[in-house]
């Protein structure tokens, strides 16, 4: 039987796994979430007052399996 604590533990484990995979991904690489969709990591840089800052942007693309769940 699924209890509230086991569901919370599973949720935490899945979130940590996804964040770890996103952190390790190279820019331009996709991280798939099974048949639900994929995150794509992109690098960007911005110059503010002569200083260059670099960061990453993530976009999510839903696959047809996830789109069907919404209906």
N, C-alpha and C. Protein backbone atom coordinates (compact mmCIF):
# COMPACT_ATOMS: atom_id res chain seq x y z
N UNK A 1 0.84 -1.19 0.00
CA UNK A 1 0.00 0.00 0.00
C UNK A 1 0.88 1.25 0.00
N UNK A 2 0.52 2.22 -0.82
CA UNK A 2 1.28 3.45 -0.92
C UNK A 2 0.85 4.40 0.19
N UNK A 3 1.81 4.77 1.00
CA UNK A 3 1.51 5.73 2.05
C UNK A 3 2.01 7.10 1.62
N UNK A 4 1.63 8.09 2.36
CA UNK A 4 2.02 9.46 2.04
C UNK A 4 3.54 9.61 2.10
N UNK A 5 4.18 8.96 3.06
CA UNK A 5 5.64 9.09 3.19
C UNK A 5 6.37 8.39 2.06
N UNK A 6 5.87 7.24 1.59
CA UNK A 6 6.55 6.56 0.48
C UNK A 6 6.37 7.32 -0.82
N UNK A 7 5.20 7.94 -1.01
CA UNK A 7 4.98 8.77 -2.20
C UNK A 7 5.89 9.99 -2.18
N UNK A 8 6.04 10.60 -1.02
CA UNK A 8 6.92 11.77 -0.89
C UNK A 8 8.37 11.37 -1.16
N UNK A 9 8.78 10.22 -0.65
CA UNK A 9 10.14 9.73 -0.86
C UNK A 9 10.38 9.44 -2.35
N UNK A 10 9.41 8.83 -3.01
CA UNK A 10 9.53 8.54 -4.44
C UNK A 10 9.59 9.84 -5.25
N UNK A 11 8.76 10.81 -4.91
CA UNK A 11 8.77 12.11 -5.58
C UNK A 11 10.12 12.79 -5.43
N UNK A 12 10.68 12.78 -4.23
CA UNK A 12 11.98 13.39 -3.97
C UNK A 12 13.06 12.69 -4.77
N UNK A 13 13.03 11.39 -4.83
CA UNK A 13 14.03 10.61 -5.57
C UNK A 13 13.97 10.92 -7.06
N UNK A 14 12.77 11.00 -7.62
CA UNK A 14 12.61 11.30 -9.04
C UNK A 14 13.09 12.72 -9.34
N UNK A 15 12.74 13.68 -8.50
CA UNK A 15 13.17 15.07 -8.70
C UNK A 15 14.69 15.19 -8.65
N UNK A 16 15.32 14.53 -7.69
CA UNK A 16 16.78 14.57 -7.58
C UNK A 16 17.43 13.95 -8.80
N UNK A 17 16.86 12.87 -9.32
CA UNK A 17 17.40 12.21 -10.51
C UNK A 17 17.30 13.13 -11.72
N UNK A 18 16.16 13.76 -11.91
CA UNK A 18 15.97 14.65 -13.06
C UNK A 18 16.93 15.84 -12.96
N UNK A 19 17.03 16.46 -11.79
CA UNK A 19 17.92 17.60 -11.63
C UNK A 19 19.38 17.21 -11.86
N UNK A 20 19.76 16.03 -11.40
CA UNK A 20 21.12 15.54 -11.61
C UNK A 20 21.40 15.34 -13.10
N UNK A 21 20.45 14.73 -13.80
CA UNK A 21 20.63 14.50 -15.25
C UNK A 21 20.67 15.81 -16.03
N UNK A 22 19.86 16.80 -15.62
CA UNK A 22 19.89 18.09 -16.29
C UNK A 22 21.20 18.83 -16.04
N UNK A 23 21.73 18.73 -14.83
CA UNK A 23 23.00 19.38 -14.51
C UNK A 23 24.15 18.77 -15.29
N UNK A 24 24.13 17.47 -15.51
CA UNK A 24 25.21 16.78 -16.22
C UNK A 24 25.10 16.91 -17.73
N UNK A 25 23.94 17.27 -18.24
CA UNK A 25 23.72 17.36 -19.68
C UNK A 25 24.56 18.49 -20.27
N UNK A 26 25.04 18.27 -21.47
CA UNK A 26 25.79 19.29 -22.21
C UNK A 26 24.80 20.19 -22.95
N UNK A 27 25.17 21.45 -23.22
CA UNK A 27 24.29 22.32 -23.99
C UNK A 27 23.95 21.70 -25.34
N UNK A 28 22.68 21.75 -25.70
CA UNK A 28 22.20 21.14 -26.93
C UNK A 28 21.72 19.72 -26.75
N UNK A 29 22.00 19.13 -25.61
CA UNK A 29 21.61 17.74 -25.33
C UNK A 29 20.20 17.70 -24.75
N UNK A 30 19.49 16.62 -25.04
CA UNK A 30 18.14 16.42 -24.51
C UNK A 30 18.16 15.38 -23.40
N UNK A 31 17.30 15.59 -22.42
CA UNK A 31 17.10 14.63 -21.34
C UNK A 31 15.66 14.15 -21.45
N UNK A 32 15.49 12.89 -21.80
CA UNK A 32 14.16 12.32 -22.01
C UNK A 32 13.51 11.90 -20.69
N UNK A 33 12.20 12.04 -20.65
CA UNK A 33 11.39 11.57 -19.53
C UNK A 33 10.48 10.46 -20.03
N UNK A 34 11.09 9.37 -20.43
CA UNK A 34 10.34 8.24 -20.96
C UNK A 34 9.56 8.64 -22.19
N UNK A 35 8.28 8.30 -22.21
CA UNK A 35 7.43 8.62 -23.36
C UNK A 35 6.65 9.91 -23.16
N UNK A 36 6.97 10.66 -22.09
CA UNK A 36 6.22 11.88 -21.79
C UNK A 36 6.75 13.11 -22.50
N UNK A 37 8.08 13.22 -22.60
CA UNK A 37 8.65 14.40 -23.23
C UNK A 37 10.14 14.47 -22.99
N UNK A 38 10.72 15.62 -23.33
CA UNK A 38 12.16 15.79 -23.18
C UNK A 38 12.49 17.24 -22.86
N UNK A 39 13.48 17.43 -22.00
CA UNK A 39 14.04 18.74 -21.72
C UNK A 39 15.24 18.93 -22.63
N UNK A 40 15.43 20.14 -23.15
CA UNK A 40 16.61 20.48 -23.94
C UNK A 40 17.34 21.60 -23.21
N UNK A 41 18.66 21.43 -23.05
CA UNK A 41 19.49 22.40 -22.35
C UNK A 41 20.18 23.30 -23.36
N UNK A 42 20.08 24.62 -23.16
CA UNK A 42 20.75 25.58 -24.03
C UNK A 42 21.58 26.52 -23.18
N UNK A 43 22.77 26.87 -23.68
CA UNK A 43 23.64 27.81 -23.00
C UNK A 43 23.41 29.21 -23.57
N UNK A 44 23.55 30.20 -22.73
CA UNK A 44 23.46 31.58 -23.19
C UNK A 44 24.42 32.43 -22.37
N UNK A 45 24.76 33.59 -22.90
CA UNK A 45 25.57 34.54 -22.15
C UNK A 45 24.99 35.93 -22.37
N UNK A 46 25.15 36.77 -21.37
CA UNK A 46 24.61 38.13 -21.41
C UNK A 46 25.67 39.06 -20.82
N UNK A 47 25.79 40.22 -21.38
CA UNK A 47 26.76 41.21 -20.90
C UNK A 47 25.99 42.33 -20.21
N UNK A 48 26.32 42.56 -18.95
CA UNK A 48 25.70 43.62 -18.17
C UNK A 48 26.81 44.47 -17.58
N UNK A 49 26.82 45.74 -17.94
CA UNK A 49 27.82 46.69 -17.45
C UNK A 49 29.24 46.17 -17.63
N UNK A 50 29.52 45.57 -18.77
CA UNK A 50 30.87 45.11 -19.08
C UNK A 50 31.22 43.74 -18.53
N UNK A 51 30.37 43.16 -17.75
CA UNK A 51 30.61 41.82 -17.20
C UNK A 51 29.77 40.80 -17.96
N UNK A 52 30.39 39.67 -18.28
CA UNK A 52 29.69 38.62 -19.01
C UNK A 52 29.21 37.55 -18.03
N UNK A 53 27.93 37.25 -18.10
CA UNK A 53 27.33 36.22 -17.26
C UNK A 53 26.86 35.09 -18.18
N UNK A 54 27.11 33.88 -17.76
CA UNK A 54 26.68 32.72 -18.53
C UNK A 54 25.66 31.93 -17.74
N UNK A 55 24.73 31.34 -18.45
CA UNK A 55 23.70 30.54 -17.80
C UNK A 55 23.14 29.51 -18.75
N UNK A 56 22.15 28.79 -18.27
CA UNK A 56 21.51 27.74 -19.06
C UNK A 56 20.01 27.96 -19.05
N UNK A 57 19.40 27.58 -20.14
CA UNK A 57 17.95 27.66 -20.28
C UNK A 57 17.45 26.27 -20.65
N UNK A 58 16.35 25.86 -20.05
CA UNK A 58 15.76 24.56 -20.33
C UNK A 58 14.39 24.75 -20.95
N UNK A 59 14.13 23.99 -22.00
CA UNK A 59 12.80 24.00 -22.59
C UNK A 59 12.28 22.57 -22.57
N UNK A 60 10.97 22.44 -22.47
CA UNK A 60 10.34 21.12 -22.41
C UNK A 60 9.45 20.94 -23.63
N UNK A 61 9.59 19.79 -24.28
CA UNK A 61 8.74 19.44 -25.42
C UNK A 61 7.95 18.19 -25.05
N UNK A 62 6.63 18.32 -25.04
CA UNK A 62 5.77 17.18 -24.69
C UNK A 62 5.64 16.25 -25.89
N UNK A 63 5.70 14.95 -25.63
CA UNK A 63 5.48 13.95 -26.66
C UNK A 63 3.98 13.65 -26.73
N UNK A 64 3.58 12.91 -27.74
CA UNK A 64 2.16 12.63 -27.95
C UNK A 64 1.55 11.88 -26.77
N UNK A 65 2.32 11.05 -26.07
CA UNK A 65 1.80 10.31 -24.92
C UNK A 65 1.31 11.23 -23.83
N UNK A 66 2.03 12.32 -23.58
CA UNK A 66 1.62 13.28 -22.56
C UNK A 66 0.45 14.12 -23.06
N UNK A 67 0.47 14.47 -24.31
CA UNK A 67 -0.63 15.25 -24.88
C UNK A 67 -1.94 14.51 -24.80
N UNK A 68 -1.90 13.17 -24.95
CA UNK A 68 -3.13 12.38 -24.87
C UNK A 68 -3.65 12.33 -23.45
N UNK A 69 -2.76 12.41 -22.44
CA UNK A 69 -3.21 12.39 -21.05
C UNK A 69 -3.99 13.65 -20.70
N UNK A 70 -3.71 14.75 -21.38
CA UNK A 70 -4.38 16.02 -21.10
C UNK A 70 -5.84 16.01 -21.53
N UNK A 71 -6.20 15.17 -22.50
CA UNK A 71 -7.57 15.16 -23.04
C UNK A 71 -8.56 14.55 -22.10
